[in-house]
Amino acid sequence: MAGRRAAHPDVELHHEVVRGHPVQVLTQASAHALGLIVGTRGRGGFTGMMLGSVSQGVLHHAQCPVITVPHPEHIQQRSR
């Protein structure tokens, strides 16, 4: 993140290590967030399977908007 932080010094960034189940931890964080960004590997063959269990859990329980971002390899495979 150091390179990104140097390129965008006006963006406030905080790092925090949290223990617990990812869905529970992210859902709790969503109560105080403007939005959550969640990565997904997108290994499923159908649209409904594009999200993993964490992404789906966060989408169902978050208290703020959620953006899912596919893994870069998956984007390249779909464009072929």
Protein backbone atom coordinates (compact mmCIF):
# COMPACT_ATOMS: atom_id res chain seq x y z
CA MET A 1 0.00 0.00 0.00
CA ALA A 2 2.99 2.32 0.38
CA GLY A 3 3.10 3.07 -3.35
CA ARG A 4 -0.62 3.80 -3.48
CA ARG A 5 -0.41 5.98 -0.40
CA ALA A 6 2.46 7.99 -1.91
CA ALA A 7 0.50 8.47 -5.14
CA HIS A 8 -2.63 9.60 -3.27
CA PRO A 9 -1.49 11.39 -0.09
CA ASP A 10 -4.88 13.07 0.38
CA VAL A 11 -6.66 9.72 0.86
CA GLU A 12 -6.92 8.66 4.50
CA LEU A 13 -5.96 5.01 4.99
CA HIS A 14 -6.06 2.88 8.13
CA HIS A 15 -4.70 -0.67 8.58
CA GLU A 16 -6.15 -2.97 11.20
CA VAL A 17 -5.74 -6.69 11.84
CA VAL A 18 -8.95 -8.25 13.15
CA ARG A 19 -9.60 -11.84 14.21
CA GLY A 20 -12.86 -13.65 13.60
CA HIS A 21 -15.03 -15.03 10.81
CA PRO A 22 -14.71 -12.72 7.79
CA VAL A 23 -18.48 -12.31 7.30
CA GLN A 24 -19.03 -11.37 10.94
CA VAL A 25 -16.05 -9.01 11.08
CA LEU A 26 -16.96 -7.25 7.83
CA THR A 27 -20.65 -7.03 8.77
CA GLN A 28 -19.71 -5.39 12.07
CA ALA A 29 -17.42 -2.95 10.25
CA SER A 30 -20.23 -2.11 7.82
CA ALA A 31 -22.20 -0.47 10.62
CA HIS A 32 -19.70 2.42 10.59
CA ALA A 33 -18.66 2.38 6.93
CA LEU A 34 -19.78 4.31 3.87
CA GLY A 35 -19.14 1.17 1.81
CA LEU A 36 -17.28 -2.15 1.67
CA ILE A 37 -15.19 -3.51 -1.17
CA VAL A 38 -14.94 -7.30 -1.24
CA GLY A 39 -12.80 -9.33 -3.63
CA THR A 40 -14.10 -12.49 -5.24
CA ARG A 41 -12.30 -15.23 -7.14
CA GLY A 42 -15.31 -15.93 -9.36
CA ARG A 43 -14.64 -19.62 -9.96
CA GLY A 44 -18.25 -20.58 -10.63
CA GLY A 45 -19.57 -21.31 -14.09
CA PHE A 46 -22.85 -19.46 -13.61
CA THR A 47 -23.62 -15.87 -12.64
CA GLY A 48 -25.11 -16.94 -9.31
CA MET A 49 -21.92 -18.79 -8.45
CA MET A 50 -19.58 -15.89 -9.16
CA LEU A 51 -19.41 -14.97 -5.48
CA GLY A 52 -17.82 -16.99 -2.73
CA SER A 53 -19.36 -17.60 0.68
CA VAL A 54 -17.76 -14.50 2.22
CA SER A 55 -18.94 -12.19 -0.57
CA GLN A 56 -22.46 -13.60 -0.42
CA GLY A 57 -22.58 -13.39 3.37
CA VAL A 58 -21.41 -9.78 3.36
CA LEU A 59 -23.94 -8.83 0.65
CA HIS A 60 -26.76 -10.33 2.71
CA HIS A 61 -25.79 -8.82 6.08
CA ALA A 62 -23.90 -5.57 5.45
CA GLN A 63 -25.39 -2.32 6.67
CA CYS A 64 -23.84 -0.27 3.86
CA PRO A 65 -23.35 -0.59 0.09
CA VAL A 66 -21.06 -3.45 -0.99
CA ILE A 67 -18.93 -3.55 -4.14
CA THR A 68 -17.57 -6.90 -5.32
CA VAL A 69 -14.39 -6.91 -7.38
CA PRO A 70 -13.50 -10.02 -9.39
CA HIS A 71 -10.00 -11.47 -9.36
CA PRO A 72 -7.98 -10.10 -12.35
CA GLU A 73 -7.39 -13.61 -13.77
CA HIS A 74 -11.12 -14.18 -13.98
CA ILE A 75 -11.64 -10.96 -15.93
CA GLN A 76 -8.98 -12.03 -18.46
CA GLN A 77 -10.51 -15.51 -18.87
CA ARG A 78 -14.00 -14.13 -19.56
CA SER A 79 -12.73 -11.68 -22.19
CA ARG A 80 -11.18 -14.46 -24.30
